[in-house]
C-alpha atoms as a PDB file:
ATOM      1  CA  MET A   1     -28.117 -67.284  45.017  1.00  0.00           C
ATOM      2  CA  SER A   2     -27.370 -64.137  47.040  1.00  0.00           C
ATOM      3  CA  LYS A   3     -27.980 -60.738  45.591  1.00  0.00           C
ATOM      4  CA  ASN A   4     -24.875 -58.598  45.211  1.00  0.00           C
ATOM      5  CA  LYS A   5     -24.902 -55.375  47.234  1.00  0.00           C
ATOM      6  CA  GLU A   6     -24.708 -52.364  44.973  1.00  0.00           C
ATOM      7  CA  ASN A   7     -21.686 -50.114  45.475  1.00  0.00           C
ATOM      8  CA  GLY A   8     -22.283 -46.486  46.508  1.00  0.00           C
ATOM      9  CA  PHE A   9     -23.186 -44.255  49.427  1.00  0.00           C
ATOM     10  CA  THR A  10     -26.464 -44.329  51.232  1.00  0.00           C
ATOM     11  CA  LEU A  11     -28.181 -41.022  51.973  1.00  0.00           C
ATOM     12  CA  ILE A  12     -27.109 -41.163  55.620  1.00  0.00           C
ATOM     13  CA  GLU A  13     -23.490 -41.835  54.696  1.00  0.00           C
ATOM     14  CA  LEU A  14     -23.548 -38.946  52.238  1.00  0.00           C
ATOM     15  CA  LEU A  15     -24.929 -36.567  54.870  1.00  0.00           C
ATOM     16  CA  VAL A  16     -22.231 -37.652  57.315  1.00  0.00           C
ATOM     17  CA  VAL A  17     -19.506 -36.975  54.750  1.00  0.00           C
ATOM     18  CA  ILE A  18     -20.983 -33.546  53.963  1.00  0.00           C
ATOM     19  CA  SER A  19     -21.148 -32.713  57.672  1.00  0.00           C
ATOM     20  CA  ILE A  20     -17.498 -33.675  58.181  1.00  0.00           C
ATOM     21  CA  ILE A  21     -16.404 -31.598  55.180  1.00  0.00           C
ATOM     22  CA  SER A  22     -18.398 -28.600  56.436  1.00  0.00           C
ATOM     23  CA  LEU A  23     -16.819 -28.931  59.866  1.00  0.00           C
ATOM     24  CA  LEU A  24     -13.321 -29.076  58.398  1.00  0.00           C
ATOM     25  CA  ILE A  25     -14.013 -26.010  56.263  1.00  0.00           C
ATOM     26  CA  SER A  26     -15.297 -24.057  59.280  1.00  0.00           C
ATOM     27  CA  ILE A  27     -12.107 -24.943  61.145  1.00  0.00           C
ATOM     28  CA  LEU A  28      -9.679 -24.263  58.306  1.00  0.00           C
ATOM     29  CA  LEU A  29     -11.109 -21.039  56.851  1.00  0.00           C
ATOM     30  CA  PRO A  30     -10.245 -18.793  59.827  1.00  0.00           C
ATOM     31  CA  ALA A  31      -6.750 -20.270  59.924  1.00  0.00           C
ATOM     32  CA  LEU A  32      -6.290 -19.646  56.197  1.00  0.00           C
ATOM     33  CA  LYS A  33      -7.599 -16.091  56.587  1.00  0.00           C
ATOM     34  CA  ASN A  34      -5.189 -15.413  59.445  1.00  0.00           C
ATOM     35  CA  ALA A  35      -2.307 -16.893  57.462  1.00  0.00           C
ATOM     36  CA  ARG A  36      -3.157 -14.686  54.469  1.00  0.00           C
ATOM     37  CA  MET A  37      -3.349 -11.590  56.684  1.00  0.00           C
ATOM     38  CA  ALA A  38      -0.012 -12.449  58.284  1.00  0.00           C
ATOM     39  CA  ALA A  39       1.552 -12.882  54.847  1.00  0.00           C
ATOM     40  CA  ASN A  40       0.198  -9.498  53.738  1.00  0.00           C
ATOM     41  CA  GLN A  41       1.578  -7.847  56.865  1.00  0.00           C
ATOM     42  CA  ILE A  42       5.015  -9.345  56.238  1.00  0.00           C
ATOM     43  CA  LYS A  43       4.936  -8.281  52.576  1.00  0.00           C
ATOM     44  CA  CYS A  44       3.940  -4.720  53.491  1.00  0.00           C
ATOM     45  CA  SER A  45       6.611  -4.619  56.176  1.00  0.00           C
ATOM     46  CA  ALA A  46       9.250  -5.705  53.660  1.00  0.00           C
ATOM     47  CA  SER A  47       8.128  -3.012  51.189  1.00  0.00           C
ATOM     48  CA  LEU A  48       8.267  -0.371  53.902  1.00  0.00           C
ATOM     49  CA  ARG A  49      11.768  -1.485  54.858  1.00  0.00           C
ATOM     50  CA  GLN A  50      12.813  -1.070  51.205  1.00  0.00           C
ATOM     51  CA  VAL A  51      11.456   2.469  51.382  1.00  0.00           C
ATOM     52  CA  GLY A  52      13.674   3.015  54.431  1.00  0.00           C
ATOM     53  CA  GLN A  53      16.740   1.619  52.683  1.00  0.00           C
ATOM     54  CA  THR A  54      16.044   3.860  49.704  1.00  0.00           C
ATOM     55  CA  GLY A  55      15.814   6.830  52.031  1.00  0.00           C
ATOM     56  CA  ALA A  56      19.115   5.825  53.622  1.00  0.00           C
ATOM     57  CA  SER A  57      20.749   5.859  50.175  1.00  0.00           C
ATOM     58  CA  TYR A  58      19.420   9.374  49.615  1.00  0.00           C
ATOM     59  CA  ILE A  59      20.777  10.508  52.995  1.00  0.00           C
ATOM     60  CA  ASN A  60      24.178   9.077  52.143  1.00  0.00           C
ATOM     61  CA  ASP A  61      24.264  10.700  48.705  1.00  0.00           C
ATOM     62  CA  TYR A  62      23.061  14.098  49.939  1.00  0.00           C
ATOM     63  CA  ASN A  63      25.526  14.574  52.770  1.00  0.00           C
ATOM     64  CA  GLY A  64      23.211  13.586  55.575  1.00  0.00           C
ATOM     65  CA  TRP A  65      20.102  15.514  54.580  1.00  0.00           C
ATOM     66  CA  VAL A  66      16.927  13.534  55.264  1.00  0.00           C
ATOM     67  CA  PRO A  67      14.398  13.628  52.391  1.00  0.00           C
ATOM     68  CA  PRO A  68      11.662  16.110  53.279  1.00  0.00           C
ATOM     69  CA  ALA A  69       8.056  15.025  53.142  1.00  0.00           C
ATOM     70  CA  TYR A  70       7.257  17.704  50.602  1.00  0.00           C
ATOM     71  CA  ASP A  71       9.250  20.506  49.043  1.00  0.00           C
ATOM     72  CA  ALA A  72       7.392  23.108  46.975  1.00  0.00           C
ATOM     73  CA  GLY A  73       5.712  20.708  44.589  1.00  0.00           C
ATOM     74  CA  THR A  74       7.894  17.602  44.992  1.00  0.00           C
ATOM     75  CA  TYR A  75       6.909  14.719  47.237  1.00  0.00           C
ATOM     76  CA  TRP A  76       9.380  12.525  49.110  1.00  0.00           C
ATOM     77  CA  TYR A  77       8.716   9.503  46.873  1.00  0.00           C
ATOM     78  CA  GLU A  78       9.532  11.581  43.811  1.00  0.00           C
ATOM     79  CA  MET A  79      12.858  12.529  45.391  1.00  0.00           C
ATOM     80  CA  LEU A  80      13.607   8.835  45.830  1.00  0.00           C
ATOM     81  CA  SER A  81      12.645   7.901  42.273  1.00  0.00           C
ATOM     82  CA  ASP A  82      16.303   7.843  41.221  1.00  0.00           C
ATOM     83  CA  TYR A  83      16.759   4.790  43.442  1.00  0.00           C
ATOM     84  CA  VAL A  84      13.507   2.914  42.763  1.00  0.00           C
ATOM     85  CA  ASP A  85      11.507   3.565  39.591  1.00  0.00           C
ATOM     86  CA  ASP A  86       7.845   4.312  40.294  1.00  0.00           C
ATOM     87  CA  LEU A  87       8.476   3.866  44.008  1.00  0.00           C
ATOM     88  CA  ARG A  88       5.001   5.007  45.007  1.00  0.00           C
ATOM     89  CA  ASN A  89       3.287   2.189  43.127  1.00  0.00           C
ATOM     90  CA  ARG A  90       5.954  -0.515  43.400  1.00  0.00           C
ATOM     91  CA  LEU A  91       6.567  -0.226  47.121  1.00  0.00           C
ATOM     92  CA  LYS A  92       3.173   0.074  48.699  1.00  0.00           C
ATOM     93  CA  CYS A  93       0.874  -1.915  50.923  1.00  0.00           C
ATOM     94  CA  THR A  94      -1.860  -3.192  48.638  1.00  0.00           C
ATOM     95  CA  VAL A  95      -4.203  -4.050  51.518  1.00  0.00           C
ATOM     96  CA  ALA A  96      -4.118  -0.549  53.008  1.00  0.00           C
ATOM     97  CA  VAL A  97      -6.968   1.896  52.579  1.00  0.00           C
ATOM     98  CA  THR A  98      -5.590   5.057  51.004  1.00  0.00           C
ATOM     99  CA  GLY A  99      -8.556   7.383  51.328  1.00  0.00           C
ATOM    100  CA  ALA A 100     -10.257   9.453  48.679  1.00  0.00           C
ATOM    101  CA  GLY A 101      -8.787  10.998  45.583  1.00  0.00           C
ATOM    102  CA  ASN A 102      -6.749   9.703  42.662  1.00  0.00           C
ATOM    103  CA  ASN A 103      -3.500   9.362  44.583  1.00  0.00           C
ATOM    104  CA  THR A 104      -2.473   5.850  45.521  1.00  0.00           C
ATOM    105  CA  ALA A 105       0.441   6.411  47.874  1.00  0.00           C
ATOM    106  CA  ASN A 106      -0.261   4.885  51.246  1.00  0.00           C
ATOM    107  CA  TYR A 107       3.062   5.341  52.996  1.00  0.00           C
ATOM    108  CA  GLY A 108       3.183   8.631  54.839  1.00  0.00           C
ATOM    109  CA  TRP A 109       6.517  10.348  55.490  1.00  0.00           C
ATOM    110  CA  ASN A 110       7.397  12.065  58.756  1.00  0.00           C
ATOM    111  CA  GLN A 111       6.467  15.675  58.064  1.00  0.00           C
ATOM    112  CA  GLU A 112       8.942  16.910  60.675  1.00  0.00           C
ATOM    113  CA  PHE A 113      11.706  16.158  58.165  1.00  0.00           C
ATOM    114  CA  GLY A 114      10.401  19.180  56.289  1.00  0.00           C
ATOM    115  CA  ARG A 115       7.308  20.224  54.425  1.00  0.00           C
ATOM    116  CA  LYS A 116       7.673  23.414  52.438  1.00  0.00           C
ATOM    117  CA  PHE A 117       4.887  25.088  50.525  1.00  0.00           C
ATOM    118  CA  THR A 118       5.334  28.039  48.215  1.00  0.00           C
ATOM    119  CA  SER A 119       2.832  29.744  50.494  1.00  0.00           C
ATOM    120  CA  GLY A 120       0.960  28.887  53.661  1.00  0.00           C
ATOM    121  CA  TRP A 121       1.941  26.895  56.711  1.00  0.00           C
ATOM    122  CA  ASN A 122       5.329  25.163  56.812  1.00  0.00           C
ATOM    123  CA  PRO A 123       6.135  22.807  59.684  1.00  0.00           C
ATOM    124  CA  GLY A 124       9.845  23.437  59.666  1.00  0.00           C
ATOM    125  CA  PRO A 125      13.117  23.371  57.719  1.00  0.00           C
ATOM    126  CA  ARG A 126      14.816  20.267  56.391  1.00  0.00           C
ATOM    127  CA  ILE A 127      16.772  18.185  58.865  1.00  0.00           C
ATOM    128  CA  LYS A 128      20.249  16.686  58.790  1.00  0.00           C
ATOM    129  CA  ILE A 129      20.469  13.225  60.244  1.00  0.00           C
ATOM    130  CA  ASP A 130      23.313  14.108  62.630  1.00  0.00           C
ATOM    131  CA  ALA A 131      21.175  16.927  64.073  1.00  0.00           C
ATOM    132  CA  LEU A 132      18.583  14.519  65.460  1.00  0.00           C
ATOM    133  CA  VAL A 133      18.661  14.352  69.236  1.00  0.00           C
ATOM    134  CA  HIS A 134      17.067  10.914  69.493  1.00  0.00           C
ATOM    135  CA  SER A 135      18.359   7.492  68.574  1.00  0.00           C
ATOM    136  CA  HIS A 136      17.638   6.633  64.943  1.00  0.00           C
ATOM    137  CA  SER A 137      15.954   3.450  66.134  1.00  0.00           C
ATOM    138  CA  MET A 138      13.328   5.617  67.848  1.00  0.00           C
ATOM    139  CA  VAL A 139      12.701   8.272  65.206  1.00  0.00           C
ATOM    140  CA  VAL A 140       9.701   7.541  62.985  1.00  0.00           C
ATOM    141  CA  ASN A 141      10.617   7.760  59.304  1.00  0.00           C
ATOM    142  CA  ALA A 142       7.365   6.689  57.658  1.00  0.00           C
ATOM    143  CA  GLY A 143       4.335   4.514  58.182  1.00  0.00           C
ATOM    144  CA  GLU A 144       1.131   3.213  56.691  1.00  0.00           C
ATOM    145  CA  ALA A 145      -1.029   6.303  56.437  1.00  0.00           C
ATOM    146  CA  THR A 146      -4.496   7.283  55.351  1.00  0.00           C
ATOM    147  CA  SER A 147      -6.164  10.578  54.533  1.00  0.00           C
ATOM    148  CA  TYR A 148      -7.789  12.437  57.401  1.00  0.00           C
ATOM    149  CA  SER A 149     -10.864  13.533  55.470  1.00  0.00           C
ATOM    150  CA  SER A 150     -12.725  12.431  52.380  1.00  0.00           C
ATOM    151  CA  THR A 151     -11.068  15.126  50.275  1.00  0.00           C
ATOM    152  CA  SER A 152      -7.572  15.165  51.746  1.00  0.00           C
ATOM    153  CA  THR A 153      -4.613  13.794  49.826  1.00  0.00           C
ATOM    154  CA  TRP A 154      -2.141  14.451  52.627  1.00  0.00           C
ATOM    155  CA  HIS A 155      -1.616  10.735  53.000  1.00  0.00           C
ATOM    156  CA  ASN A 156       0.901  11.101  50.179  1.00  0.00           C
ATOM    157  CA  TYR A 157       3.453  12.615  52.505  1.00  0.00           C
ATOM    158  CA  TYR A 158       1.958  13.177  55.929  1.00  0.00           C
ATOM    159  CA  ILE A 159       1.789  10.860  58.920  1.00  0.00           C
ATOM    160  CA  ALA A 160       0.528  12.485  62.073  1.00  0.00           C
ATOM    161  CA  LYS A 161       0.759  11.717  65.750  1.00  0.00           C
ATOM    162  CA  ASN A 162      -2.863  10.707  66.114  1.00  0.00           C
ATOM    163  CA  GLN A 163      -4.910   7.765  64.913  1.00  0.00           C
ATOM    164  CA  PHE A 164      -6.727   9.772  62.221  1.00  0.00           C
ATOM    165  CA  TYR A 165      -3.708   9.821  59.927  1.00  0.00           C
ATOM    166  CA  ILE A 166      -2.461   6.312  60.669  1.00  0.00           C
ATOM    167  CA  ASN A 167      -3.836   3.294  58.854  1.00  0.00           C
ATOM    168  CA  PHE A 168      -4.343  -0.076  60.585  1.00  0.00           C
ATOM    169  CA  PRO A 169      -4.884  -2.510  57.701  1.00  0.00           C
ATOM    170  CA  HIS A 170      -3.469  -5.623  59.364  1.00  0.00           C
ATOM    171  CA  ASN A 171      -6.254  -6.720  61.660  1.00  0.00           C
ATOM    172  CA  GLY A 172      -5.949  -3.597  63.781  1.00  0.00           C
ATOM    173  CA  ARG A 173      -2.159  -3.328  63.509  1.00  0.00           C
ATOM    174  CA  THR A 174       0.150  -1.085  61.496  1.00  0.00           C
ATOM    175  CA  ASN A 175       3.751  -1.105  60.266  1.00  0.00           C
ATOM    176  CA  VAL A 176       6.038   1.762  61.282  1.00  0.00           C
ATOM    177  CA  LEU A 177       9.425   2.475  59.669  1.00  0.00           C
ATOM    178  CA  PHE A 178      12.198   3.982  61.772  1.00  0.00           C
ATOM    179  CA  LEU A 179      15.171   5.994  60.624  1.00  0.00           C
ATOM    180  CA  ASP A 180      17.578   3.092  61.151  1.00  0.00           C
ATOM    181  CA  THR A 181      15.449   1.240  58.508  1.00  0.00           C
ATOM    182  CA  HIS A 182      13.924  -1.305  60.903  1.00  0.00           C
ATOM    183  CA  VAL A 183      10.163  -1.807  60.800  1.00  0.00           C
ATOM    184  CA  GLN A 184       8.002  -2.449  63.832  1.00  0.00           C
ATOM    185  CA  THR A 185       4.405  -3.655  63.840  1.00  0.00           C
ATOM    186  CA  ALA A 186       2.193  -2.150  66.495  1.00  0.00           C
ATOM    187  CA  PRO A 187      -1.444  -2.363  67.579  1.00  0.00           C
ATOM    188  CA  ARG A 188      -3.769   0.605  67.330  1.00  0.00           C
ATOM    189  CA  ILE A 189      -3.406   1.706  70.937  1.00  0.00           C
ATOM    190  CA  GLU A 190       0.384   2.035  70.619  1.00  0.00           C
ATOM    191  CA  ALA A 191       0.648   3.572  67.174  1.00  0.00           C
ATOM    192  CA  SER A 192      -2.047   6.157  67.825  1.00  0.00           C
ATOM    193  CA  GLY A 193       0.004   7.415  70.770  1.00  0.00           C
ATOM    194  CA  LEU A 194       3.070   8.424  68.745  1.00  0.00           C
ATOM    195  CA  PRO A 195       4.234  11.659  70.383  1.00  0.00           C
ATOM    196  CA  GLU A 196       6.222  14.577  69.104  1.00  0.00           C
ATOM    197  CA  GLU A 197       9.086  15.483  71.406  1.00  0.00           C
ATOM    198  CA  GLY A 198      10.927  18.760  71.210  1.00  0.00           C
ATOM    199  CA  GLY A 199       9.095  19.796  68.056  1.00  0.00           C
ATOM    200  CA  SER A 200      11.875  18.393  65.893  1.00  0.00           C
ATOM    201  CA  ASN A 201      11.106  14.756  65.219  1.00  0.00           C
ATOM    202  CA  TRP A 202       8.824  11.945  66.245  1.00  0.00           C
ATOM    203  CA  VAL A 203       9.992   9.221  68.568  1.00  0.00           C
ATOM    204  CA  TRP A 204       8.467   5.874  69.313  1.00  0.00           C
ATOM    205  CA  ALA A 205       6.973   5.648  72.768  1.00  0.00           C
ATOM    206  CA  LEU A 206       4.997   2.755  74.142  1.00  0.00           C
ATOM    207  CA  PRO A 207       2.329   3.361  76.795  1.00  0.00           C
END
């Protein structure tokens, strides 16, 4: 009478299965990571576009005046709070690094739309949208920003024309909002080259 073979894996078979699983994991993990990063970029882009649409509502309601970045104690996102409650926290890129301090805003507004202190340096008066000399599809409205130094909280309202004030949280890329409310994603080399033309507003320029 023959002896029945016991069911189950041998040690070699088990090692082969483990090796195949490990190989599949090593192949799939980078793809899953890239997919998650792409999803985050799309989500942040959509939030930034909502910020642009909110700003467009403000411009329409205030006879063409573009919200300033800062006006004697009031930030741009506070001016837009009538359109979106708690805009700063609801419409933000959660993967972006916001710098030091207690402030959590990580979308920086174009300071050339106006930044007025009660004292000290002011970059210019507020701007009406019909006074802009460039196409609205070229004028930078806002972007994903970070603080320049460990103590600065300028990232609440300030996005500058160099890489120190621009955040690149999406695998070396950043989202930029334009005045016509479209959002463009750009790599570090392009976004860090945003120029200021004519001293009145920023325009998008690719190298």
